Amino acid sequence: MHEPLITNDAVVLGLLMIMLAFVFKTASSENPFWKKFYTYVPSLLLCYFLPSILNSTGIISGEQSNLYKVASRYLLPASLLLLTLSIDLKAILRLGPKALIMFLAGTIGVILGGPLVIIIVSTFNPELVGGEGADAVWRGMATIAGSWIGGGANQAAMLEVFGASGSLFSIMVTIDVIVANVWMAVLLYGAGRADKIDKAIKADSSAIEEAKKRIENFQLSVMKMPKLSDTMVVFGIAFGLTGLAHFLSDYIVPFIKSLPTEWGLERFSLDSSFFWIVVLATTFGVILSFTKARNLEGVGASRLGSVLLYVLVASIGMQMDLKSIYYNIELFMVGGMWMLFHVGIMLLTARLIKAPFFFTAVGSMANIGGAASAPIVASAFHPSLAPVGVLLAVLGYALGTYGGWLCGILMQSVAP
């Protein structure tokens, strides 16, 4: 392992924040060049891509840095809490069952897509999806399945269950992040053309428009110029309850692990502290949405939550090594085929039930990207819709380990 040029995490964080500032400043610019540039290149993709350049060129090391762990364990739960603080559950329930159906279609697409791709590829290149022991490719693909149905905690669980080697897992993480973000770029591009897509498949998006108006009206009714005390209260609630989520998970996880293993609770990630931290933080946010704390949206609770979320996005980007694409191009093609199967199932289901493109995009990203990406894709349609992505992503965490385990078993049974 080569020593990176910069090893001080304070300097690394400074670089990431400069990059985020650059992306958001240019994305909001009226300059014709930048307006045209961001028509084709989603700003979110740059938030992943720019840090990955620093990691790929050896300037920083995502593997050696502790920033991702801090961002995922502290900033992400605080962000999810702030994004759900002003949630209007009645408005979301009025969206109907199509959001849930599209989410489950995405899950099925991942579970069936993995073994199907192995069967197809093994007919002409069995070595590519073969291997023995800890280097068997299906073991690595099982970790992607955990990530693409749930998130990082589920991916780590699949690594423990199926025992992929460290070198194989490193490649699979890069395939996971890059393939997922290429698909997210497509979804963000489609978000700007959602009306045309809905018209083409004759989807009724009136319930989404009604939800947007209800949430917008609420935001306008409570909006005010934030004082320092308001911002401190927002962060006090966010990080105070994040601390409580950590505190409770420290007791819940040992209790779960003390239960009989034949109950199979680990398949649902119930023995993962990260799972409980995310679920508890989101639950606290939903509970607060029924109290006066909901009015904190008027001083920018969700905006501050988005800031924390984008720091996480940048720290995820610095885990990517773009050079591995060149050295493992065939495995990236396998990941791309798998994603295409997932996309095909999503589009077929959307066509059959006439689901608006919003449900397709958020249902897919709640699986593929989890809690870090689903609210961002949802907010690309409208900032007020971010909580829909949060809630579906939490459902993904609950199903991720079980779905990833099932996919891994299926891939093992068909692997050459």
Protein backbone atom coordinates (compact mmCIF):
# COMPACT_ATOMS: atom_id res chain seq x y z
CA MET A 1 0.00 0.00 0.00
CA HIS A 2 1.46 3.35 -1.09
CA GLU A 3 1.49 6.23 1.39
CA PRO A 4 -0.82 9.04 0.16
CA LEU A 5 0.50 12.56 -0.26
CA ILE A 6 -1.93 13.88 2.38
CA THR A 7 -2.60 11.81 5.51
CA ASN A 8 -4.03 14.49 7.82
CA ASP A 9 -7.84 14.09 7.90
CA ALA A 10 -8.30 17.79 8.74
CA VAL A 11 -6.62 18.68 5.43
CA VAL A 12 -8.63 16.00 3.59
CA LEU A 13 -11.90 17.36 5.01
CA GLY A 14 -10.84 20.87 3.94
CA LEU A 15 -10.29 19.64 0.37
CA LEU A 16 -13.65 17.86 0.30
CA MET A 17 -15.48 20.97 1.54
CA ILE A 18 -13.73 23.15 -1.08
CA MET A 19 -14.87 20.71 -3.77
CA LEU A 20 -18.46 20.73 -2.50
CA ALA A 21 -18.44 24.54 -2.37
CA PHE A 22 -17.10 24.66 -5.95
CA VAL A 23 -19.78 22.27 -7.24
CA PHE A 24 -22.69 24.08 -5.58
CA LYS A 25 -21.41 27.55 -6.48
CA THR A 26 -21.01 26.67 -10.16
CA ALA A 27 -24.28 24.66 -10.22
CA SER A 28 -26.20 27.76 -9.09
CA SER A 29 -24.29 30.08 -11.43
CA GLU A 30 -26.05 31.98 -14.22
CA ASN A 31 -22.95 31.61 -16.40
CA PRO A 32 -24.04 30.02 -19.74
CA PHE A 33 -21.13 27.54 -19.67
CA TRP A 34 -22.01 26.17 -16.24
CA LYS A 35 -25.74 26.10 -17.00
CA LYS A 36 -25.07 23.98 -20.08
CA PHE A 37 -22.50 21.85 -18.24
CA TYR A 38 -24.91 20.92 -15.44
CA THR A 39 -27.64 20.15 -17.96
CA TYR A 40 -25.64 17.03 -18.86
CA VAL A 41 -23.53 16.41 -15.73
CA PRO A 42 -25.52 16.07 -12.47
CA SER A 43 -23.94 18.04 -9.64
CA LEU A 44 -24.33 15.05 -7.32
CA LEU A 45 -22.17 12.92 -9.62
CA LEU A 46 -19.38 15.51 -9.35
CA CYS A 47 -19.63 15.36 -5.55
CA TYR A 48 -18.68 11.68 -5.85
CA PHE A 49 -16.29 11.98 -8.80
CA LEU A 50 -13.99 14.83 -7.72
CA PRO A 51 -12.96 13.19 -4.41
CA SER A 52 -12.43 9.90 -6.29
CA ILE A 53 -9.81 11.63 -8.47
CA LEU A 54 -7.84 12.59 -5.35
CA ASN A 55 -8.02 8.99 -4.12
CA SER A 56 -7.15 7.46 -7.51
CA THR A 57 -4.10 9.67 -7.97
CA GLY A 58 -2.71 8.95 -4.49
CA ILE A 59 -3.18 12.48 -3.14
CA ILE A 60 -5.45 11.11 -0.38
CA SER A 61 -6.42 7.60 0.71
CA GLY A 62 -10.05 6.78 1.34
CA GLU A 63 -9.00 3.46 2.83
CA GLN A 64 -6.70 5.03 5.44
CA SER A 65 -8.88 8.03 6.26
CA ASN A 66 -11.41 7.95 9.12
CA LEU A 67 -13.69 10.55 7.51
CA TYR A 68 -16.14 8.04 6.02
CA LYS A 69 -16.64 6.33 9.37
CA VAL A 70 -17.30 9.67 11.08
CA ALA A 71 -19.66 10.83 8.31
CA SER A 72 -21.62 7.56 8.15
CA ARG A 73 -21.92 7.07 11.92
CA TYR A 74 -22.51 10.68 13.05
CA LEU A 75 -23.48 12.93 10.12
CA LEU A 76 -25.77 10.48 8.27
CA PRO A 77 -28.13 9.72 11.20
CA ALA A 78 -28.26 13.42 12.12
CA SER A 79 -29.05 14.22 8.48
CA LEU A 80 -31.81 11.59 8.25
CA LEU A 81 -33.36 12.95 11.44
CA LEU A 82 -33.43 16.50 10.06
CA LEU A 83 -34.81 15.37 6.70
CA THR A 84 -37.71 13.53 8.37
CA LEU A 85 -38.37 16.20 11.01
CA SER A 86 -40.95 18.02 8.88
CA ILE A 87 -42.38 14.93 7.21
CA ASP A 88 -46.10 14.93 6.44
CA LEU A 89 -46.95 11.24 6.84
CA LYS A 90 -50.55 11.75 5.74
CA ALA A 91 -49.40 13.32 2.48
CA ILE A 92 -46.96 10.47 1.88
CA LEU A 93 -49.55 7.80 2.66
CA ARG A 94 -51.84 9.47 0.13
CA LEU A 95 -49.23 8.67 -2.53
CA GLY A 96 -50.68 5.15 -2.48
CA PRO A 97 -49.10 1.69 -2.77
CA LYS A 98 -47.21 2.29 -6.02
CA ALA A 99 -44.10 3.62 -4.24
CA LEU A 100 -43.85 0.39 -2.21
CA ILE A 101 -44.52 -1.80 -5.27
CA MET A 102 -41.73 -0.08 -7.22
CA PHE A 103 -39.34 -0.46 -4.28
CA LEU A 104 -40.05 -4.20 -4.03
CA ALA A 105 -39.70 -4.56 -7.82
CA GLY A 106 -36.22 -3.07 -7.47
CA THR A 107 -35.37 -5.56 -4.71
CA ILE A 108 -36.52 -8.50 -6.84
CA GLY A 109 -34.50 -7.14 -9.78
CA VAL A 110 -31.30 -7.26 -7.70
CA ILE A 111 -31.99 -10.71 -6.18
CA LEU A 112 -32.76 -12.38 -9.52
CA GLY A 113 -30.33 -10.32 -11.59
CA GLY A 114 -27.18 -11.59 -9.83
CA PRO A 115 -27.64 -15.32 -10.51
CA LEU A 116 -29.03 -14.64 -14.00
CA VAL A 117 -25.92 -12.64 -14.97
CA ILE A 118 -23.67 -15.45 -13.65
CA ILE A 119 -25.59 -18.00 -15.76
CA ILE A 120 -25.29 -15.83 -18.89
CA VAL A 121 -21.61 -14.95 -18.47
CA SER A 122 -20.61 -18.52 -17.54
CA THR A 123 -21.83 -19.73 -20.95
CA PHE A 124 -18.98 -17.90 -22.73
CA ASN A 125 -16.49 -16.95 -19.97
CA PRO A 126 -16.88 -19.18 -16.88
CA GLU A 127 -13.50 -18.06 -15.46
CA LEU A 128 -14.77 -14.49 -15.13
CA VAL A 129 -17.56 -15.39 -12.69
CA GLY A 130 -15.83 -18.47 -11.24
CA GLY A 131 -13.00 -18.83 -8.77
CA GLU A 132 -12.51 -20.90 -5.65
CA GLY A 133 -12.50 -20.27 -1.93
CA ALA A 134 -12.52 -16.67 -0.69
CA ASP A 135 -11.73 -15.42 -4.22
CA ALA A 136 -14.90 -16.91 -5.76
CA VAL A 137 -16.52 -14.01 -7.62
CA TRP A 138 -20.03 -14.88 -6.41
CA ARG A 139 -18.90 -14.18 -2.83
CA GLY A 140 -17.90 -10.65 -3.83
CA MET A 141 -21.13 -10.19 -5.79
CA ALA A 142 -23.08 -11.15 -2.67
CA THR A 143 -21.63 -8.09 -0.93
CA ILE A 144 -22.90 -5.93 -3.81
CA ALA A 145 -26.34 -7.53 -3.43
CA GLY A 146 -26.38 -6.53 0.25
CA SER A 147 -25.45 -2.97 -0.68
CA TRP A 148 -27.88 -2.70 -3.61
CA ILE A 149 -30.86 -3.86 -1.57
CA GLY A 150 -29.95 -2.16 1.71
CA GLY A 151 -26.72 -0.28 2.31
CA GLY A 152 -23.25 -0.34 3.83
CA ALA A 153 -24.28 -2.27 6.96
CA ASN A 154 -25.89 -4.99 4.82
CA GLN A 155 -22.82 -5.11 2.57
CA ALA A 156 -20.58 -5.62 5.60
CA ALA A 157 -22.94 -8.35 6.82
CA MET A 158 -22.65 -10.18 3.48
CA LEU A 159 -18.86 -9.93 3.69
CA GLU A 160 -19.01 -11.68 7.06
CA VAL A 161 -21.55 -14.29 5.92
CA PHE A 162 -19.90 -15.30 2.64
CA GLY A 163 -16.26 -14.47 3.43
CA ALA A 164 -14.99 -12.76 0.27
CA SER A 165 -11.26 -12.00 0.28
CA GLY A 166 -10.06 -8.46 1.02
CA SER A 167 -8.74 -7.88 -2.51
CA LEU A 168 -11.99 -9.12 -4.11
CA PHE A 169 -14.08 -7.01 -1.74
CA SER A 170 -12.08 -3.86 -2.63
CA ILE A 171 -12.86 -4.40 -6.33
CA MET A 172 -16.54 -5.06 -5.60
CA VAL A 173 -16.87 -1.85 -3.55
CA THR A 174 -15.61 0.16 -6.52
CA ILE A 175 -17.95 -1.67 -8.93
CA ASP A 176 -20.81 -1.06 -6.50
CA VAL A 177 -20.19 2.69 -6.17
CA ILE A 178 -19.38 3.45 -9.83
CA VAL A 179 -22.16 1.36 -11.45
CA ALA A 180 -24.69 2.67 -8.91
CA ASN A 181 -23.67 6.27 -9.54
CA VAL A 182 -23.84 5.92 -13.32
CA TRP A 183 -27.44 4.74 -12.88
CA MET A 184 -28.10 7.58 -10.41
CA ALA A 185 -26.84 10.06 -13.02
CA VAL A 186 -29.42 8.67 -15.44
CA LEU A 187 -32.17 9.03 -12.83
CA LEU A 188 -31.16 12.62 -12.04
CA TYR A 189 -31.19 13.40 -15.76
CA GLY A 190 -34.64 11.81 -16.01
CA ALA A 191 -35.91 13.82 -13.02
CA GLY A 192 -35.78 16.95 -15.17
CA ARG A 193 -37.91 15.22 -17.79
CA ALA A 194 -40.31 13.41 -15.47
CA ASP A 195 -43.41 15.12 -16.91
CA LYS A 196 -42.65 13.86 -20.43
CA ILE A 197 -41.91 10.34 -19.17
CA ASP A 198 -45.14 10.23 -17.13
CA LYS A 199 -47.12 11.44 -20.12
CA ALA A 200 -45.57 8.76 -22.33
CA ILE A 201 -46.64 5.91 -20.02
CA LYS A 202 -49.92 7.65 -19.05
CA ALA A 203 -48.96 7.74 -15.37
CA ASP A 204 -51.01 9.79 -12.93
CA SER A 205 -48.69 12.01 -10.87
CA SER A 206 -51.46 14.16 -9.34
CA ALA A 207 -50.91 12.64 -5.86
CA ILE A 208 -47.23 13.66 -6.00
CA GLU A 209 -48.15 17.20 -7.04
CA GLU A 210 -50.66 17.41 -4.20
CA ALA A 211 -48.04 16.21 -1.70
CA LYS A 212 -45.56 18.80 -2.97
CA LYS A 213 -48.09 21.61 -2.59
CA ARG A 214 -49.07 20.54 0.96
CA ILE A 215 -45.43 20.40 2.05
CA GLU A 216 -44.56 23.67 0.28
CA ASN A 217 -47.47 25.45 1.95
CA PHE A 218 -46.34 24.18 5.34
CA GLN A 219 -42.76 25.33 4.73
CA LEU A 220 -43.96 28.81 3.73
CA SER A 221 -46.21 29.04 6.81
CA VAL A 222 -43.32 28.42 9.25
CA MET A 223 -40.46 30.07 7.35
CA LYS A 224 -38.47 32.80 9.12
CA MET A 225 -34.97 34.24 9.16
CA PRO A 226 -32.94 31.84 11.36
CA LYS A 227 -31.09 33.18 14.39
CA LEU A 228 -27.96 31.60 15.82
CA SER A 229 -30.09 30.16 18.64
CA ASP A 230 -32.39 28.50 16.06
CA THR A 231 -29.49 26.82 14.28
CA MET A 232 -28.03 25.68 17.61
CA VAL A 233 -31.37 24.13 18.58
CA VAL A 234 -31.53 22.30 15.22
CA PHE A 235 -28.04 20.85 15.66
CA GLY A 236 -28.67 20.16 19.36
CA ILE A 237 -31.70 18.03 18.51
CA ALA A 238 -29.97 16.34 15.55
CA PHE A 239 -26.75 15.36 17.27
CA GLY A 240 -28.33 14.86 20.70
CA LEU A 241 -30.74 12.28 19.31
CA THR A 242 -27.97 10.77 17.16
CA GLY A 243 -26.07 10.27 20.41
CA LEU A 244 -29.17 8.67 21.94
CA ALA A 245 -29.43 6.34 18.91
CA HIS A 246 -25.81 5.26 19.48
CA PHE A 247 -26.48 4.83 23.21
CA LEU A 248 -29.53 2.62 22.64
CA SER A 249 -27.86 0.57 19.92
CA ASP A 250 -25.03 -0.26 22.37
CA TYR A 251 -27.65 -2.09 24.46
CA ILE A 252 -29.90 -3.44 21.70
CA VAL A 253 -27.16 -5.16 19.66
CA PRO A 254 -25.67 -7.25 22.53
CA PHE A 255 -29.22 -8.28 23.49
CA ILE A 256 -29.98 -9.38 19.90
CA LYS A 257 -26.70 -11.32 19.74
CA SER A 258 -27.57 -13.09 23.00
CA LEU A 259 -30.73 -14.55 21.43
CA PRO A 260 -30.69 -18.03 19.83
CA THR A 261 -28.89 -18.00 16.47
CA GLU A 262 -31.53 -20.28 14.93
CA TRP A 263 -33.93 -17.35 15.05
CA GLY A 264 -31.93 -15.93 12.13
CA LEU A 265 -32.24 -12.30 13.25
CA GLU A 266 -28.83 -11.46 11.72
CA ARG A 267 -30.31 -11.98 8.25
CA PHE A 268 -32.37 -8.84 8.79
CA SER A 269 -29.30 -6.84 9.97
CA LEU A 270 -30.79 -6.78 13.46
CA ASP A 271 -27.37 -7.51 14.95
CA SER A 272 -25.81 -4.49 13.21
CA SER A 273 -25.29 -1.35 15.29
CA PHE A 274 -25.29 0.76 12.11
CA PHE A 275 -28.75 -0.58 11.22
CA TRP A 276 -30.15 0.39 14.62
CA ILE A 277 -28.49 3.82 14.58
CA VAL A 278 -30.07 4.64 11.20
CA VAL A 279 -33.49 3.21 12.10
CA LEU A 280 -33.61 4.91 15.53
CA ALA A 281 -32.52 8.31 14.14
CA THR A 282 -35.17 8.11 11.41
CA THR A 283 -37.79 7.02 13.96
CA PHE A 284 -36.93 9.97 16.21
CA GLY A 285 -37.39 12.28 13.22
CA VAL A 286 -40.80 10.79 12.40
CA ILE A 287 -41.92 11.11 16.05
CA LEU A 288 -40.80 14.75 16.18
CA SER A 289 -42.80 15.46 13.01
CA PHE A 290 -45.93 15.12 15.18
CA THR A 291 -44.69 17.79 17.62
CA LYS A 292 -43.89 21.52 17.49
CA ALA A 293 -40.31 20.57 16.60
CA ARG A 294 -41.68 20.19 13.06
CA ASN A 295 -41.67 23.99 12.82
CA LEU A 296 -37.85 23.93 12.83
CA GLU A 297 -38.20 23.37 9.10
CA GLY A 298 -38.90 27.11 9.01
CA VAL A 299 -35.29 27.82 10.04
CA GLY A 300 -33.81 25.38 7.54
CA ALA A 301 -33.73 21.98 9.30
CA SER A 302 -33.80 19.99 6.03
CA ARG A 303 -31.27 22.35 4.40
CA LEU A 304 -28.83 21.76 7.25
CA GLY A 305 -29.55 18.04 6.99
CA SER A 306 -28.65 18.15 3.29
CA VAL A 307 -25.29 19.79 4.14
CA LEU A 308 -24.44 16.84 6.41
CA LEU A 309 -25.60 14.40 3.73
CA TYR A 310 -23.35 15.88 1.05
CA VAL A 311 -20.30 15.63 3.33
CA LEU A 312 -21.10 11.90 3.50
CA VAL A 313 -21.44 11.76 -0.30
CA ALA A 314 -17.96 13.28 -0.71
CA SER A 315 -16.50 10.84 1.82
CA ILE A 316 -18.06 7.93 -0.12
CA GLY A 317 -16.51 9.33 -3.31
CA MET A 318 -13.05 9.22 -1.76
CA GLN A 319 -13.42 5.43 -1.35
CA MET A 320 -13.49 4.96 -5.14
CA ASP A 321 -10.39 4.00 -7.10
CA LEU A 322 -10.99 4.82 -10.76
CA LYS A 323 -7.87 2.87 -11.82
CA SER A 324 -9.57 -0.37 -10.84
CA ILE A 325 -11.99 0.11 -13.75
CA TYR A 326 -9.10 -0.33 -16.19
CA TYR A 327 -7.73 -3.42 -14.45
CA ASN A 328 -11.14 -5.07 -13.93
CA ILE A 329 -13.12 -3.86 -16.93
CA GLU A 330 -14.78 -7.26 -17.48
CA LEU A 331 -16.09 -7.39 -13.91
CA PHE A 332 -17.47 -3.88 -14.35
CA MET A 333 -19.35 -5.15 -17.39
CA VAL A 334 -20.82 -7.93 -15.21
CA GLY A 335 -21.94 -5.27 -12.72
CA GLY A 336 -23.41 -3.22 -15.58
CA MET A 337 -25.40 -6.23 -16.87
CA TRP A 338 -26.72 -6.83 -13.36
CA MET A 339 -27.83 -3.21 -13.08
CA LEU A 340 -29.52 -3.39 -16.51
CA PHE A 341 -31.62 -6.34 -15.29
CA HIS A 342 -32.67 -4.34 -12.22
CA VAL A 343 -33.53 -1.37 -14.45
CA GLY A 344 -35.50 -3.60 -16.83
CA ILE A 345 -37.64 -5.00 -13.99
CA MET A 346 -38.25 -1.46 -12.69
CA LEU A 347 -39.31 -0.09 -16.08
CA LEU A 348 -41.53 -3.11 -16.84
CA THR A 349 -43.28 -2.80 -13.47
CA ALA A 350 -43.70 0.97 -13.90
CA ARG A 351 -45.27 0.36 -17.31
CA LEU A 352 -47.65 -2.29 -15.98
CA ILE A 353 -48.94 -0.28 -13.01
CA LYS A 354 -48.51 3.14 -14.71
CA ALA A 355 -46.28 4.38 -11.87
CA PRO A 356 -44.93 7.96 -12.13
CA PHE A 357 -41.20 8.22 -12.86
CA PHE A 358 -40.71 9.63 -9.35
CA PHE A 359 -41.63 6.24 -7.85
CA THR A 360 -39.34 4.44 -10.31
CA ALA A 361 -36.39 6.68 -9.47
CA VAL A 362 -36.83 6.75 -5.70
CA GLY A 363 -37.82 3.08 -5.44
CA SER A 364 -34.71 2.10 -7.39
CA MET A 365 -32.33 4.39 -5.49
CA ALA A 366 -33.75 3.35 -2.09
CA ASN A 367 -32.42 -0.10 -3.04
CA ILE A 368 -29.26 0.75 -4.94
CA GLY A 369 -28.05 3.83 -3.09
CA GLY A 370 -29.67 3.53 0.33
CA ALA A 371 -30.14 6.34 2.81
CA ALA A 372 -27.35 8.49 1.36
CA SER A 373 -28.71 8.63 -2.20
CA ALA A 374 -32.48 8.04 -2.09
CA PRO A 375 -33.35 11.40 -0.44
CA ILE A 376 -31.06 13.22 -2.88
CA VAL A 377 -32.75 11.64 -5.90
CA ALA A 378 -36.16 12.36 -4.34
CA SER A 379 -35.21 16.01 -3.74
CA ALA A 380 -34.16 16.31 -7.42
CA PHE A 381 -37.89 16.11 -8.18
CA HIS A 382 -38.64 18.54 -5.36
CA PRO A 383 -36.80 19.27 -2.06
CA SER A 384 -39.96 18.59 -0.07
CA LEU A 385 -40.08 14.98 -1.31
CA ALA A 386 -36.75 13.94 0.28
CA PRO A 387 -38.50 12.18 3.25
CA VAL A 388 -40.10 9.68 0.82
CA GLY A 389 -36.60 8.55 -0.14
CA VAL A 390 -35.56 8.35 3.53
CA LEU A 391 -38.47 6.10 4.51
CA LEU A 392 -38.00 3.69 1.58
CA ALA A 393 -34.25 3.54 2.22
CA VAL A 394 -34.87 2.52 5.84
CA LEU A 395 -37.10 -0.29 4.53
CA GLY A 396 -34.16 -1.31 2.35
CA TYR A 397 -31.92 -1.60 5.41
CA ALA A 398 -34.47 -3.95 6.98
CA LEU A 399 -34.59 -6.21 3.89
CA GLY A 400 -31.00 -5.81 2.68
CA THR A 401 -29.26 -8.59 4.56
CA TYR A 402 -32.03 -11.13 3.98
CA GLY A 403 -32.28 -10.24 0.28
CA GLY A 404 -28.49 -10.19 -0.09
CA TRP A 405 -28.23 -13.60 1.62
CA LEU A 406 -30.89 -15.08 -0.69
CA CYS A 407 -29.16 -13.62 -3.75
CA GLY A 408 -25.80 -14.98 -2.53
CA ILE A 409 -27.22 -18.49 -2.07
CA LEU A 410 -28.77 -18.37 -5.58
CA MET A 411 -25.46 -17.16 -7.08
CA GLN A 412 -23.53 -19.89 -5.24
CA SER A 413 -25.88 -22.54 -6.69
CA VAL A 414 -25.30 -21.43 -10.31
CA ALA A 415 -21.64 -20.32 -10.13
CA PRO A 416 -19.20 -22.39 -12.27
